C-alpha atoms as a PDB file:
ATOM      1  CA  UNK A   1      34.185  35.362  56.970  1.00  0.00           C
ATOM      2  CA  UNK A   2      32.183  33.449  54.362  1.00  0.00           C
ATOM      3  CA  UNK A   3      29.191  31.359  55.478  1.00  0.00           C
ATOM      4  CA  UNK A   4      29.432  27.588  55.464  1.00  0.00           C
ATOM      5  CA  UNK A   5      26.863  24.837  56.014  1.00  0.00           C
ATOM      6  CA  UNK A   6      27.620  21.426  57.513  1.00  0.00           C
ATOM      7  CA  UNK A   7      25.564  18.450  56.300  1.00  0.00           C
ATOM      8  CA  UNK A   8      25.508  15.079  58.056  1.00  0.00           C
ATOM      9  CA  UNK A   9      24.725  12.025  55.946  1.00  0.00           C
ATOM     10  CA  UNK A  10      23.674   8.393  56.221  1.00  0.00           C
ATOM     11  CA  UNK A  11      27.124   7.385  54.988  1.00  0.00           C
ATOM     12  CA  UNK A  12      28.686   8.712  58.193  1.00  0.00           C
ATOM     13  CA  UNK A  13      30.349  11.695  56.539  1.00  0.00           C
ATOM     14  CA  UNK A  14      30.022  15.393  57.350  1.00  0.00           C
ATOM     15  CA  UNK A  15      30.298  17.579  54.260  1.00  0.00           C
ATOM     16  CA  UNK A  16      30.971  21.315  54.385  1.00  0.00           C
ATOM     17  CA  UNK A  17      29.501  23.470  51.598  1.00  0.00           C
ATOM     18  CA  UNK A  18      29.370  27.091  50.489  1.00  0.00           C
ATOM     19  CA  UNK A  19      25.611  27.860  50.803  1.00  0.00           C
ATOM     20  CA  UNK A  20      25.910  30.948  48.590  1.00  0.00           C
ATOM     21  CA  UNK A  21      27.904  29.625  45.634  1.00  0.00           C
ATOM     22  CA  UNK A  22      26.844  25.979  45.900  1.00  0.00           C
ATOM     23  CA  UNK A  23      29.023  23.416  44.182  1.00  0.00           C
ATOM     24  CA  UNK A  24      30.961  20.463  45.533  1.00  0.00           C
ATOM     25  CA  UNK A  25      31.816  19.944  49.179  1.00  0.00           C
ATOM     26  CA  UNK A  26      34.755  22.049  50.364  1.00  0.00           C
ATOM     27  CA  UNK A  27      35.636  19.645  53.180  1.00  0.00           C
ATOM     28  CA  UNK A  28      34.595  16.046  53.858  1.00  0.00           C
ATOM     29  CA  UNK A  29      34.978  14.666  57.377  1.00  0.00           C
ATOM     30  CA  UNK A  30      35.017  10.900  57.101  1.00  0.00           C
ATOM     31  CA  UNK A  31      33.736   9.747  60.477  1.00  0.00           C
ATOM     32  CA  UNK A  32      32.332   6.547  58.962  1.00  0.00           C
ATOM     33  CA  UNK A  33      35.823   5.276  58.180  1.00  0.00           C
ATOM     34  CA  UNK A  34      36.143   4.478  61.868  1.00  0.00           C
ATOM     35  CA  UNK A  35      32.543   4.194  62.998  1.00  0.00           C
ATOM     36  CA  UNK A  36      30.346   2.930  60.141  1.00  0.00           C
ATOM     37  CA  UNK A  37      27.434   4.930  61.497  1.00  0.00           C
ATOM     38  CA  UNK A  38      25.080   7.585  60.118  1.00  0.00           C
ATOM     39  CA  UNK A  39      25.122  11.162  61.414  1.00  0.00           C
ATOM     40  CA  UNK A  40      22.218  11.830  63.778  1.00  0.00           C
ATOM     41  CA  UNK A  41      22.896  15.442  64.773  1.00  0.00           C
ATOM     42  CA  UNK A  42      25.237  18.393  64.232  1.00  0.00           C
ATOM     43  CA  UNK A  43      25.855  21.639  66.106  1.00  0.00           C
ATOM     44  CA  UNK A  44      28.345  24.435  65.395  1.00  0.00           C
ATOM     45  CA  UNK A  45      30.177  26.744  67.794  1.00  0.00           C
ATOM     46  CA  UNK A  46      33.380  28.805  68.056  1.00  0.00           C
ATOM     47  CA  UNK A  47      36.361  27.815  70.146  1.00  0.00           C
ATOM     48  CA  UNK A  48      36.539  30.690  72.663  1.00  0.00           C
ATOM     49  CA  UNK A  49      40.344  30.582  72.817  1.00  0.00           C
ATOM     50  CA  UNK A  50      40.949  30.888  69.074  1.00  0.00           C
ATOM     51  CA  UNK A  51      37.668  31.996  67.510  1.00  0.00           C
ATOM     52  CA  UNK A  52      37.909  29.049  65.130  1.00  0.00           C
ATOM     53  CA  UNK A  53      34.710  27.220  64.128  1.00  0.00           C
ATOM     54  CA  UNK A  54      33.968  23.769  65.472  1.00  0.00           C
ATOM     55  CA  UNK A  55      31.321  21.201  64.546  1.00  0.00           C
ATOM     56  CA  UNK A  56      29.995  18.692  67.075  1.00  0.00           C
ATOM     57  CA  UNK A  57      28.756  15.454  65.515  1.00  0.00           C
ATOM     58  CA  UNK A  58      26.680  12.631  67.003  1.00  0.00           C
ATOM     59  CA  UNK A  59      26.685   9.295  65.170  1.00  0.00           C
ATOM     60  CA  UNK A  60      23.985   6.636  65.364  1.00  0.00           C
ATOM     61  CA  UNK A  61      25.774   3.870  67.257  1.00  0.00           C
ATOM     62  CA  UNK A  62      28.759   5.453  69.006  1.00  0.00           C
ATOM     63  CA  UNK A  63      27.224   6.853  72.202  1.00  0.00           C
ATOM     64  CA  UNK A  64      29.802   9.618  71.795  1.00  0.00           C
ATOM     65  CA  UNK A  65      29.985  13.146  70.390  1.00  0.00           C
ATOM     66  CA  UNK A  66      32.961  14.054  68.188  1.00  0.00           C
ATOM     67  CA  UNK A  67      34.131  17.664  67.764  1.00  0.00           C
ATOM     68  CA  UNK A  68      35.835  18.522  64.462  1.00  0.00           C
ATOM     69  CA  UNK A  69      37.531  21.446  62.750  1.00  0.00           C
ATOM     70  CA  UNK A  70      35.183  22.049  59.762  1.00  0.00           C
ATOM     71  CA  UNK A  71      37.808  24.084  57.891  1.00  0.00           C
ATOM     72  CA  UNK A  72      40.795  21.750  58.131  1.00  0.00           C
ATOM     73  CA  UNK A  73      38.869  18.483  58.523  1.00  0.00           C
ATOM     74  CA  UNK A  74      40.836  15.562  59.912  1.00  0.00           C
ATOM     75  CA  UNK A  75      40.454  13.619  63.135  1.00  0.00           C
ATOM     76  CA  UNK A  76      38.253  14.668  66.032  1.00  0.00           C
ATOM     77  CA  UNK A  77      39.739  17.320  68.323  1.00  0.00           C
ATOM     78  CA  UNK A  78      37.559  16.303  71.262  1.00  0.00           C
ATOM     79  CA  UNK A  79      35.601  13.113  71.955  1.00  0.00           C
ATOM     80  CA  UNK A  80      32.855  13.236  74.589  1.00  0.00           C
ATOM     81  CA  UNK A  81      31.748   9.873  75.956  1.00  0.00           C
ATOM     82  CA  UNK A  82      28.019  10.423  76.457  1.00  0.00           C
ATOM     83  CA  UNK A  83      27.212   6.795  77.251  1.00  0.00           C
ATOM     84  CA  UNK A  84      23.959   6.625  75.294  1.00  0.00           C
ATOM     85  CA  UNK A  85      22.655   7.186  71.778  1.00  0.00           C
ATOM     86  CA  UNK A  86      22.440  10.911  70.934  1.00  0.00           C
ATOM     87  CA  UNK A  87      19.668  12.097  68.599  1.00  0.00           C
ATOM     88  CA  UNK A  88      19.843  15.881  69.085  1.00  0.00           C
ATOM     89  CA  UNK A  89      22.456  18.559  69.810  1.00  0.00           C
ATOM     90  CA  UNK A  90      22.216  22.244  70.704  1.00  0.00           C
ATOM     91  CA  UNK A  91      24.913  24.781  71.585  1.00  0.00           C
ATOM     92  CA  UNK A  92      24.587  27.754  73.923  1.00  0.00           C
ATOM     93  CA  UNK A  93      26.797  30.009  76.057  1.00  0.00           C
ATOM     94  CA  UNK A  94      26.994  29.589  79.817  1.00  0.00           C
ATOM     95  CA  UNK A  95      25.459  32.852  81.098  1.00  0.00           C
ATOM     96  CA  UNK A  96      27.897  32.975  84.022  1.00  0.00           C
ATOM     97  CA  UNK A  97      31.120  32.479  82.055  1.00  0.00           C
ATOM     98  CA  UNK A  98      30.325  32.958  78.364  1.00  0.00           C
ATOM     99  CA  UNK A  99      31.872  29.556  77.642  1.00  0.00           C
ATOM    100  CA  UNK A 100      30.204  27.276  75.069  1.00  0.00           C
ATOM    101  CA  UNK A 101      28.048  24.442  76.306  1.00  0.00           C
ATOM    102  CA  UNK A 102      26.706  21.462  74.367  1.00  0.00           C
ATOM    103  CA  UNK A 103      23.293  19.953  75.144  1.00  0.00           C
ATOM    104  CA  UNK A 104      22.948  16.304  74.084  1.00  0.00           C
ATOM    105  CA  UNK A 105      19.481  14.782  73.773  1.00  0.00           C
ATOM    106  CA  UNK A 106      19.499  11.062  74.573  1.00  0.00           C
ATOM    107  CA  UNK A 107      17.102   8.685  72.866  1.00  0.00           C
ATOM    108  CA  UNK A 108      16.939   5.644  75.138  1.00  0.00           C
ATOM    109  CA  UNK A 109      17.673   7.383  78.433  1.00  0.00           C
ATOM    110  CA  UNK A 110      15.158  10.226  78.117  1.00  0.00           C
ATOM    111  CA  UNK A 111      17.652  12.793  79.379  1.00  0.00           C
ATOM    112  CA  UNK A 112      19.552  15.855  78.234  1.00  0.00           C
ATOM    113  CA  UNK A 113      23.204  15.981  79.290  1.00  0.00           C
ATOM    114  CA  UNK A 114      25.147  19.242  79.085  1.00  0.00           C
ATOM    115  CA  UNK A 115      28.900  19.185  78.445  1.00  0.00           C
ATOM    116  CA  UNK A 116      31.827  21.517  77.856  1.00  0.00           C
ATOM    117  CA  UNK A 117      32.530  20.883  74.135  1.00  0.00           C
ATOM    118  CA  UNK A 118      36.031  22.373  74.343  1.00  0.00           C
ATOM    119  CA  UNK A 119      37.393  20.555  77.389  1.00  0.00           C
ATOM    120  CA  UNK A 120      35.176  17.463  77.178  1.00  0.00           C
ATOM    121  CA  UNK A 121      34.930  15.475  80.404  1.00  0.00           C
ATOM    122  CA  UNK A 122      31.902  14.602  82.496  1.00  0.00           C
ATOM    123  CA  UNK A 123      28.468  16.147  82.101  1.00  0.00           C
ATOM    124  CA  UNK A 124      27.932  19.474  83.900  1.00  0.00           C
ATOM    125  CA  UNK A 125      24.128  19.278  84.106  1.00  0.00           C
ATOM    126  CA  UNK A 126      21.631  16.421  83.762  1.00  0.00           C
ATOM    127  CA  UNK A 127      18.000  17.197  82.886  1.00  0.00           C
ATOM    128  CA  UNK A 128      15.561  14.298  83.227  1.00  0.00           C
ATOM    129  CA  UNK A 129      13.062  14.618  80.367  1.00  0.00           C
ATOM    130  CA  UNK A 130      11.097  11.421  80.960  1.00  0.00           C
ATOM    131  CA  UNK A 131      10.804  10.528  77.264  1.00  0.00           C
ATOM    132  CA  UNK A 132      13.096   9.873  74.301  1.00  0.00           C
ATOM    133  CA  UNK A 133      14.533  13.132  72.956  1.00  0.00           C
ATOM    134  CA  UNK A 134      14.272  13.765  69.207  1.00  0.00           C
ATOM    135  CA  UNK A 135      14.978  17.514  68.915  1.00  0.00           C
ATOM    136  CA  UNK A 136      16.521  20.394  70.876  1.00  0.00           C
ATOM    137  CA  UNK A 137      16.708  24.149  70.506  1.00  0.00           C
ATOM    138  CA  UNK A 138      17.845  26.959  72.783  1.00  0.00           C
ATOM    139  CA  UNK A 139      16.261  30.395  73.101  1.00  0.00           C
ATOM    140  CA  UNK A 140      16.188  33.439  75.379  1.00  0.00           C
ATOM    141  CA  UNK A 141      12.883  34.407  76.968  1.00  0.00           C
ATOM    142  CA  UNK A 142      11.677  37.962  77.632  1.00  0.00           C
ATOM    143  CA  UNK A 143      13.427  38.034  81.018  1.00  0.00           C
ATOM    144  CA  UNK A 144      16.776  37.283  79.382  1.00  0.00           C
ATOM    145  CA  UNK A 145      16.919  33.759  80.799  1.00  0.00           C
ATOM    146  CA  UNK A 146      18.052  30.921  78.555  1.00  0.00           C
ATOM    147  CA  UNK A 147      15.608  28.118  77.915  1.00  0.00           C
ATOM    148  CA  UNK A 148      15.941  24.672  76.358  1.00  0.00           C
ATOM    149  CA  UNK A 149      13.028  23.282  74.329  1.00  0.00           C
ATOM    150  CA  UNK A 150      12.957  19.485  73.929  1.00  0.00           C
ATOM    151  CA  UNK A 151      10.884  17.639  71.339  1.00  0.00           C
ATOM    152  CA  UNK A 152      10.040  14.242  72.746  1.00  0.00           C
ATOM    153  CA  UNK A 153       8.718  10.870  71.602  1.00  0.00           C
ATOM    154  CA  UNK A 154       5.657  11.067  73.859  1.00  0.00           C
ATOM    155  CA  UNK A 155       4.131  13.875  71.772  1.00  0.00           C
ATOM    156  CA  UNK A 156       5.214  16.741  74.007  1.00  0.00           C
ATOM    157  CA  UNK A 157       7.596  19.679  73.830  1.00  0.00           C
ATOM    158  CA  UNK A 158       9.072  20.532  77.216  1.00  0.00           C
ATOM    159  CA  UNK A 159      10.824  23.799  78.072  1.00  0.00           C
ATOM    160  CA  UNK A 160      13.491  23.830  80.798  1.00  0.00           C
ATOM    161  CA  UNK A 161      15.758  26.295  82.564  1.00  0.00           C
ATOM    162  CA  UNK A 162      19.168  25.649  81.029  1.00  0.00           C
ATOM    163  CA  UNK A 163      21.110  26.633  84.130  1.00  0.00           C
ATOM    164  CA  UNK A 164      19.011  25.171  86.936  1.00  0.00           C
ATOM    165  CA  UNK A 165      17.528  22.165  85.121  1.00  0.00           C
ATOM    166  CA  UNK A 166      14.760  20.714  87.280  1.00  0.00           C
ATOM    167  CA  UNK A 167      11.141  20.321  86.242  1.00  0.00           C
ATOM    168  CA  UNK A 168       9.750  21.566  82.926  1.00  0.00           C
ATOM    169  CA  UNK A 169       8.605  25.202  83.035  1.00  0.00           C
ATOM    170  CA  UNK A 170       6.239  24.723  80.084  1.00  0.00           C
ATOM    171  CA  UNK A 171       4.786  21.564  78.509  1.00  0.00           C
ATOM    172  CA  UNK A 172       3.167  21.705  75.060  1.00  0.00           C
ATOM    173  CA  UNK A 173       0.921  18.780  74.098  1.00  0.00           C
ATOM    174  CA  UNK A 174       1.132  17.740  70.434  1.00  0.00           C
ATOM    175  CA  UNK A 175      -0.638  15.080  68.418  1.00  0.00           C
ATOM    176  CA  UNK A 176       2.632  13.330  67.605  1.00  0.00           C
ATOM    177  CA  UNK A 177       6.326  13.350  68.467  1.00  0.00           C
ATOM    178  CA  UNK A 178       8.329  16.472  67.581  1.00  0.00           C
ATOM    179  CA  UNK A 179      11.186  15.637  65.214  1.00  0.00           C
ATOM    180  CA  UNK A 180      12.452  19.206  64.630  1.00  0.00           C
ATOM    181  CA  UNK A 181      12.322  22.522  66.494  1.00  0.00           C
ATOM    182  CA  UNK A 182      13.198  26.104  65.540  1.00  0.00           C
ATOM    183  CA  UNK A 183      12.795  29.365  67.459  1.00  0.00           C
ATOM    184  CA  UNK A 184      12.256  32.823  65.993  1.00  0.00           C
ATOM    185  CA  UNK A 185      11.132  36.235  67.244  1.00  0.00           C
ATOM    186  CA  UNK A 186       7.634  37.522  66.502  1.00  0.00           C
ATOM    187  CA  UNK A 187       8.300  40.824  64.683  1.00  0.00           C
ATOM    188  CA  UNK A 188       5.116  42.407  66.039  1.00  0.00           C
ATOM    189  CA  UNK A 189       5.688  41.641  69.723  1.00  0.00           C
ATOM    190  CA  UNK A 190       9.336  40.653  70.115  1.00  0.00           C
ATOM    191  CA  UNK A 191       8.220  37.465  71.859  1.00  0.00           C
ATOM    192  CA  UNK A 192       9.864  34.126  71.052  1.00  0.00           C
ATOM    193  CA  UNK A 193       7.946  31.666  68.903  1.00  0.00           C
ATOM    194  CA  UNK A 194       8.573  27.954  68.456  1.00  0.00           C
ATOM    195  CA  UNK A 195       8.135  26.119  65.163  1.00  0.00           C
ATOM    196  CA  UNK A 196       7.591  22.378  65.555  1.00  0.00           C
ATOM    197  CA  UNK A 197       8.032  19.696  62.891  1.00  0.00           C
ATOM    198  CA  UNK A 198       6.065  16.549  63.685  1.00  0.00           C
ATOM    199  CA  UNK A 199       6.375  12.963  62.478  1.00  0.00           C
END
């Protein structure tokens, strides 16, 4: 039950640390031994069948997402062939089934593809963003609907319906591309708020 933090590095390794005690890495996942590629994005979720933690990892040149056991380390348990370079990952639960879903933000294609990170296979949903995707985050709006915020290279943040996809529900115009996103709840109103890190 202790917290752990996964860190992706330019050397292609994912290191797992104790964020309370600090110290050396508890586990090192050596993806670079096979791929020679830096880590672009990480996302954590639980396997619904076992409750065990999993870490999804996107490398710079692979055009794939690799799912690892961050406790035992070792080889990838699942490999998802995305078909394009992935720069952002976000995990959420399918509201209809409760199963985990993995959103993959594509750099060159300007799309978000949503996969089953446990079973792998083909994409379940395709959302056409229209610009290179640098950052993703998932949140729940006041109606209880799940939303996906995408930070894009064209200086906009677009918010989509995670289930239906389609056109952006909200478009925020920024002065520069959004390289990081984080959502929190306004303590005074209970409304979601979006923090944006810009280049």
